[in-house]
Every structure is written in C-alpha cells, then in structure tokens.
C-alpha cells in the first residue's frame, strides 16, 4: 500500500491502518468511557442519591480519556498529514477525518529533507524531517526508509 501522494507542491502522507481488532477495541473503550461515566451519574441520581461534584469530576476525567482514545483510534484508522510547499513557507496539517489539528506554517529556507530513524533498527522505518534544526517539521507517519528515500528524490524536483 502506498502511503504518500505528491501532487504538484502538496504532499499527503497516510498512516498505515492498525489491525481491525485493535481499532475495534479502541473505539469500543472510547465509547464506553464517554457513556458509562454519564450513565453512572444518571442511575445514581435516579436511585435517590444526591448530585455532587464527584460525578462531574468523574465525567471530566473519563471524558478526557475517551476523547484521547477516540483521537488515537481515528489516527490509526484515518490519519493523514498534508504538507504544502510554497516559495515563502511550508504548511503542515494533521487530519483525523472527524477533526483536524491546527495548521503549522513555518518558513523553512533552505528547504531540506532528511530521515529520522524510528523503531527497531531491523524494521528499517523512519519519518520524514523537513528543514534543519533551527526551523523544521517532523512528520509522524512511519514509512520504510527506502520509500522515504524515493520520496525525498521526488520532493527535490518540486518547482517552487
């Protein structure tokens, strides 16, 4: 499966999907974190107990856990990174399908590309780094090093 697409000056990196069982478990737990905390409060109040601050703390904590797990689930299912190169700057955006992270716009001159190794050495995977140490964008989509090397060759041909 190809994990990147280069169209003129726009690069899209797609995350390799996690196994279906793992994604299913993450989505189920995310849903349960949201619903059980609220249902627990509703059942407790309906059974005659008083409403107190502990319910709202529990809903807040489990709501945040559910949101974080939902975000990870969406990333492992639909995650993609979009990078747009222009003469003056580089725009980076992460897409989770249901929502997007804020856009990062950086002035990266000169436009350089490198590989950051990730994981075990025998896996031969890494991520793309755009720019130098002063101003850079580190992508998070893991790709085989060979694929990143091919991508870098294509990226150097982009007319800006």
C-alpha atoms as a PDB file:
ATOM      1  CA  UNK A   1       0.000   0.000   0.000  1.00  0.00           C
ATOM      2  CA  UNK A   2       1.381   3.379  -0.981  1.00  0.00           C
ATOM      3  CA  UNK A   3       1.465   5.742   1.970  1.00  0.00           C
ATOM      4  CA  UNK A   4       2.313   9.010   0.250  1.00  0.00           C
ATOM      5  CA  UNK A   5       0.993  11.059  -2.667  1.00  0.00           C
ATOM      6  CA  UNK A   6       2.768  14.012  -4.190  1.00  0.00           C
ATOM      7  CA  UNK A   7       0.633  16.328  -6.308  1.00  0.00           C
ATOM      8  CA  UNK A   8       2.495  19.424  -7.568  1.00  0.00           C
ATOM      9  CA  UNK A   9       3.575  21.121  -4.333  1.00  0.00           C
ATOM     10  CA  UNK A  10       1.258  19.187  -1.983  1.00  0.00           C
ATOM     11  CA  UNK A  11       2.432  16.075  -0.122  1.00  0.00           C
ATOM     12  CA  UNK A  12      -0.036  13.773   1.622  1.00  0.00           C
ATOM     13  CA  UNK A  13       1.210  11.072   3.997  1.00  0.00           C
ATOM     14  CA  UNK A  14      -1.295   8.374   5.025  1.00  0.00           C
ATOM     15  CA  UNK A  15      -0.961   6.263   8.167  1.00  0.00           C
ATOM     16  CA  UNK A  16      -0.963   2.505   7.730  1.00  0.00           C
ATOM     17  CA  UNK A  17      -4.118   1.197   9.424  1.00  0.00           C
ATOM     18  CA  UNK A  18      -3.772  -0.734  12.664  1.00  0.00           C
ATOM     19  CA  UNK A  19      -5.300  -4.244  12.765  1.00  0.00           C
ATOM     20  CA  UNK A  20      -9.106  -4.276  12.815  1.00  0.00           C
ATOM     21  CA  UNK A  21      -9.288  -5.947  16.237  1.00  0.00           C
ATOM     22  CA  UNK A  22      -7.073  -3.290  17.827  1.00  0.00           C
ATOM     23  CA  UNK A  23      -9.044  -0.451  16.263  1.00  0.00           C
ATOM     24  CA  UNK A  24     -12.337  -2.058  17.286  1.00  0.00           C
ATOM     25  CA  UNK A  25     -11.239  -2.403  20.912  1.00  0.00           C
ATOM     26  CA  UNK A  26     -10.042   1.208  20.999  1.00  0.00           C
ATOM     27  CA  UNK A  27     -13.330   2.524  19.551  1.00  0.00           C
ATOM     28  CA  UNK A  28     -15.375   0.413  21.989  1.00  0.00           C
ATOM     29  CA  UNK A  29     -13.412   1.601  25.040  1.00  0.00           C
ATOM     30  CA  UNK A  30     -13.614   5.186  23.835  1.00  0.00           C
ATOM     31  CA  UNK A  31     -17.394   4.894  23.572  1.00  0.00           C
ATOM     32  CA  UNK A  32     -17.619   3.193  26.974  1.00  0.00           C
ATOM     33  CA  UNK A  33     -15.552   5.926  28.672  1.00  0.00           C
ATOM     34  CA  UNK A  34     -17.983   8.543  27.388  1.00  0.00           C
ATOM     35  CA  UNK A  35     -21.202   6.678  28.168  1.00  0.00           C
ATOM     36  CA  UNK A  36     -20.531   4.825  31.440  1.00  0.00           C
ATOM     37  CA  UNK A  37     -19.471   7.931  33.352  1.00  0.00           C
ATOM     38  CA  UNK A  38     -22.652   9.762  32.321  1.00  0.00           C
ATOM     39  CA  UNK A  39     -24.882   6.722  32.808  1.00  0.00           C
ATOM     40  CA  UNK A  40     -23.379   6.148  36.261  1.00  0.00           C
ATOM     41  CA  UNK A  41     -24.360   9.640  37.327  1.00  0.00           C
ATOM     42  CA  UNK A  42     -27.860   9.345  35.859  1.00  0.00           C
ATOM     43  CA  UNK A  43     -28.530   5.972  37.509  1.00  0.00           C
ATOM     44  CA  UNK A  44     -27.190   7.200  40.847  1.00  0.00           C
ATOM     45  CA  UNK A  45     -29.357  10.340  40.818  1.00  0.00           C
ATOM     46  CA  UNK A  46     -32.445   8.390  39.700  1.00  0.00           C
ATOM     47  CA  UNK A  47     -31.928   5.897  42.546  1.00  0.00           C
ATOM     48  CA  UNK A  48     -32.174   8.710  45.080  1.00  0.00           C
ATOM     49  CA  UNK A  49     -28.592   9.821  45.702  1.00  0.00           C
ATOM     50  CA  UNK A  50     -27.730  13.493  45.683  1.00  0.00           C
ATOM     51  CA  UNK A  51     -25.899  15.150  42.815  1.00  0.00           C
ATOM     52  CA  UNK A  52     -22.350  16.079  43.902  1.00  0.00           C
ATOM     53  CA  UNK A  53     -19.072  17.322  42.469  1.00  0.00           C
ATOM     54  CA  UNK A  54     -17.556  13.812  42.250  1.00  0.00           C
ATOM     55  CA  UNK A  55     -19.897  12.964  39.386  1.00  0.00           C
ATOM     56  CA  UNK A  56     -18.650  15.902  37.338  1.00  0.00           C
ATOM     57  CA  UNK A  57     -15.011  15.128  38.129  1.00  0.00           C
ATOM     58  CA  UNK A  58     -15.590  11.526  37.004  1.00  0.00           C
ATOM     59  CA  UNK A  59     -17.334  12.650  33.813  1.00  0.00           C
ATOM     60  CA  UNK A  60     -14.497  15.106  33.138  1.00  0.00           C
ATOM     61  CA  UNK A  61     -11.710  12.568  33.699  1.00  0.00           C
ATOM     62  CA  UNK A  62     -13.365   9.764  31.766  1.00  0.00           C
ATOM     63  CA  UNK A  63     -14.488  12.201  29.068  1.00  0.00           C
ATOM     64  CA  UNK A  64     -10.875  13.288  28.541  1.00  0.00           C
ATOM     65  CA  UNK A  65      -9.712   9.668  28.485  1.00  0.00           C
ATOM     66  CA  UNK A  66     -12.461   8.821  25.995  1.00  0.00           C
ATOM     67  CA  UNK A  67     -11.557  11.785  23.801  1.00  0.00           C
ATOM     68  CA  UNK A  68      -7.862  10.865  23.841  1.00  0.00           C
ATOM     69  CA  UNK A  69      -8.629   7.243  22.986  1.00  0.00           C
ATOM     70  CA  UNK A  70     -11.022   8.359  20.227  1.00  0.00           C
ATOM     71  CA  UNK A  71      -8.294  10.565  18.794  1.00  0.00           C
ATOM     72  CA  UNK A  72      -5.798   7.673  18.794  1.00  0.00           C
ATOM     73  CA  UNK A  73      -8.416   5.377  17.236  1.00  0.00           C
ATOM     74  CA  UNK A  74      -9.173   7.866  14.472  1.00  0.00           C
ATOM     75  CA  UNK A  75      -5.468   8.424  13.827  1.00  0.00           C
ATOM     76  CA  UNK A  76      -4.852   4.684  13.478  1.00  0.00           C
ATOM     77  CA  UNK A  77      -7.826   4.382  11.114  1.00  0.00           C
ATOM     78  CA  UNK A  78      -7.966   7.580   9.032  1.00  0.00           C
ATOM     79  CA  UNK A  79      -4.843   9.564   9.971  1.00  0.00           C
ATOM     80  CA  UNK A  80      -3.045  11.622   7.356  1.00  0.00           C
ATOM     81  CA  UNK A  81      -0.631  14.523   7.154  1.00  0.00           C
ATOM     82  CA  UNK A  82      -0.826  17.208   4.493  1.00  0.00           C
ATOM     83  CA  UNK A  83       2.191  19.350   3.710  1.00  0.00           C
ATOM     84  CA  UNK A  84       2.047  22.221   1.229  1.00  0.00           C
ATOM     85  CA  UNK A  85       5.275  23.743  -0.057  1.00  0.00           C
ATOM     86  CA  UNK A  86       5.461  27.327  -1.312  1.00  0.00           C
ATOM     87  CA  UNK A  87       8.346  29.710  -2.006  1.00  0.00           C
ATOM     88  CA  UNK A  88       7.934  31.525   1.294  1.00  0.00           C
ATOM     89  CA  UNK A  89       6.763  28.877   3.742  1.00  0.00           C
ATOM     90  CA  UNK A  90       5.675  25.307   4.402  1.00  0.00           C
ATOM     91  CA  UNK A  91       2.218  24.461   5.765  1.00  0.00           C
ATOM     92  CA  UNK A  92       1.683  21.308   7.840  1.00  0.00           C
ATOM     93  CA  UNK A  93      -1.715  19.938   8.870  1.00  0.00           C
ATOM     94  CA  UNK A  94      -2.767  16.696  10.564  1.00  0.00           C
ATOM     95  CA  UNK A  95      -6.162  15.206   9.679  1.00  0.00           C
ATOM     96  CA  UNK A  96      -8.066  12.696  11.846  1.00  0.00           C
ATOM     97  CA  UNK A  97     -11.098  12.653   9.464  1.00  0.00           C
ATOM     98  CA  UNK A  98     -13.598  13.859  12.094  1.00  0.00           C
ATOM     99  CA  UNK A  99     -11.403  16.811  13.069  1.00  0.00           C
ATOM    100  CA  UNK A 100      -8.065  18.401  12.222  1.00  0.00           C
ATOM    101  CA  UNK A 101      -5.185  19.753  14.283  1.00  0.00           C
ATOM    102  CA  UNK A 102      -4.214  23.367  13.872  1.00  0.00           C
ATOM    103  CA  UNK A 103      -2.166  24.314  10.839  1.00  0.00           C
ATOM    104  CA  UNK A 104       1.511  24.968  11.356  1.00  0.00           C
ATOM    105  CA  UNK A 105       3.082  27.432   8.951  1.00  0.00           C
ATOM    106  CA  UNK A 106       6.874  27.641   9.047  1.00  0.00           C
ATOM    107  CA  UNK A 107       9.397  29.488   6.961  1.00  0.00           C
ATOM    108  CA  UNK A 108      11.931  26.831   6.028  1.00  0.00           C
ATOM    109  CA  UNK A 109      14.787  28.183   3.936  1.00  0.00           C
ATOM    110  CA  UNK A 110      16.605  26.300   2.501  1.00  0.00           C
ATOM    111  CA  UNK A 111      14.109  23.501   2.005  1.00  0.00           C
ATOM    112  CA  UNK A 112      15.962  20.346   3.050  1.00  0.00           C
ATOM    113  CA  UNK A 113      14.758  16.795   3.626  1.00  0.00           C
ATOM    114  CA  UNK A 114      16.157  14.043   5.828  1.00  0.00           C
ATOM    115  CA  UNK A 115      15.177  10.790   7.516  1.00  0.00           C
ATOM    116  CA  UNK A 116      14.792  10.253  11.255  1.00  0.00           C
ATOM    117  CA  UNK A 117      15.036   6.523  12.072  1.00  0.00           C
ATOM    118  CA  UNK A 118      12.130   5.254  14.217  1.00  0.00           C
ATOM    119  CA  UNK A 119      11.639   1.929  15.984  1.00  0.00           C
ATOM    120  CA  UNK A 120      13.956  -1.044  15.895  1.00  0.00           C
ATOM    121  CA  UNK A 121      16.949  -0.928  13.580  1.00  0.00           C
ATOM    122  CA  UNK A 122      15.912  -4.108  11.760  1.00  0.00           C
ATOM    123  CA  UNK A 123      12.480  -2.621  10.956  1.00  0.00           C
ATOM    124  CA  UNK A 124      14.143  -0.054   8.663  1.00  0.00           C
ATOM    125  CA  UNK A 125      11.414   2.529   9.268  1.00  0.00           C
ATOM    126  CA  UNK A 126      11.620   6.227   9.810  1.00  0.00           C
ATOM    127  CA  UNK A 127       9.866   9.557   9.461  1.00  0.00           C
ATOM    128  CA  UNK A 128      10.450  12.475   7.135  1.00  0.00           C
ATOM    129  CA  UNK A 129      12.084  15.613   8.515  1.00  0.00           C
ATOM    130  CA  UNK A 130      11.650  18.822   6.548  1.00  0.00           C
ATOM    131  CA  UNK A 131      14.105  21.617   7.241  1.00  0.00           C
ATOM    132  CA  UNK A 132      17.106  21.977   9.525  1.00  0.00           C
ATOM    133  CA  UNK A 133      17.460  22.172  13.302  1.00  0.00           C
ATOM    134  CA  UNK A 134      16.515  25.867  13.501  1.00  0.00           C
ATOM    135  CA  UNK A 135      13.189  25.548  11.692  1.00  0.00           C
ATOM    136  CA  UNK A 136      11.858  22.103  10.909  1.00  0.00           C
ATOM    137  CA  UNK A 137       8.767  19.942  10.635  1.00  0.00           C
ATOM    138  CA  UNK A 138       8.961  16.352  11.801  1.00  0.00           C
ATOM    139  CA  UNK A 139       6.296  14.158  10.261  1.00  0.00           C
ATOM    140  CA  UNK A 140       4.860  11.324  12.370  1.00  0.00           C
ATOM    141  CA  UNK A 141       3.821   8.850   9.673  1.00  0.00           C
ATOM    142  CA  UNK A 142       6.211   5.898   9.791  1.00  0.00           C
ATOM    143  CA  UNK A 143       7.407   4.764   6.380  1.00  0.00           C
ATOM    144  CA  UNK A 144      10.033   2.294   5.185  1.00  0.00           C
ATOM    145  CA  UNK A 145      13.383   4.069   4.791  1.00  0.00           C
ATOM    146  CA  UNK A 146      13.578   3.041   1.121  1.00  0.00           C
ATOM    147  CA  UNK A 147      10.210   4.694   0.471  1.00  0.00           C
ATOM    148  CA  UNK A 148      11.314   7.883   2.246  1.00  0.00           C
ATOM    149  CA  UNK A 149      14.473   7.989   0.127  1.00  0.00           C
ATOM    150  CA  UNK A 150      12.347   7.766  -3.052  1.00  0.00           C
ATOM    151  CA  UNK A 151      10.051  10.463  -1.673  1.00  0.00           C
ATOM    152  CA  UNK A 152      12.990  12.785  -0.950  1.00  0.00           C
ATOM    153  CA  UNK A 153      14.201  12.403  -4.540  1.00  0.00           C
ATOM    154  CA  UNK A 154      10.700  13.369  -5.776  1.00  0.00           C
ATOM    155  CA  UNK A 155      10.455  16.281  -3.288  1.00  0.00           C
ATOM    156  CA  UNK A 156      13.748  17.775  -4.501  1.00  0.00           C
ATOM    157  CA  UNK A 157      12.221  18.039  -8.000  1.00  0.00           C
ATOM    158  CA  UNK A 158       9.338  20.278  -6.817  1.00  0.00           C
ATOM    159  CA  UNK A 159       9.465  23.627  -8.650  1.00  0.00           C
ATOM    160  CA  UNK A 160       8.847  26.436  -6.185  1.00  0.00           C
END
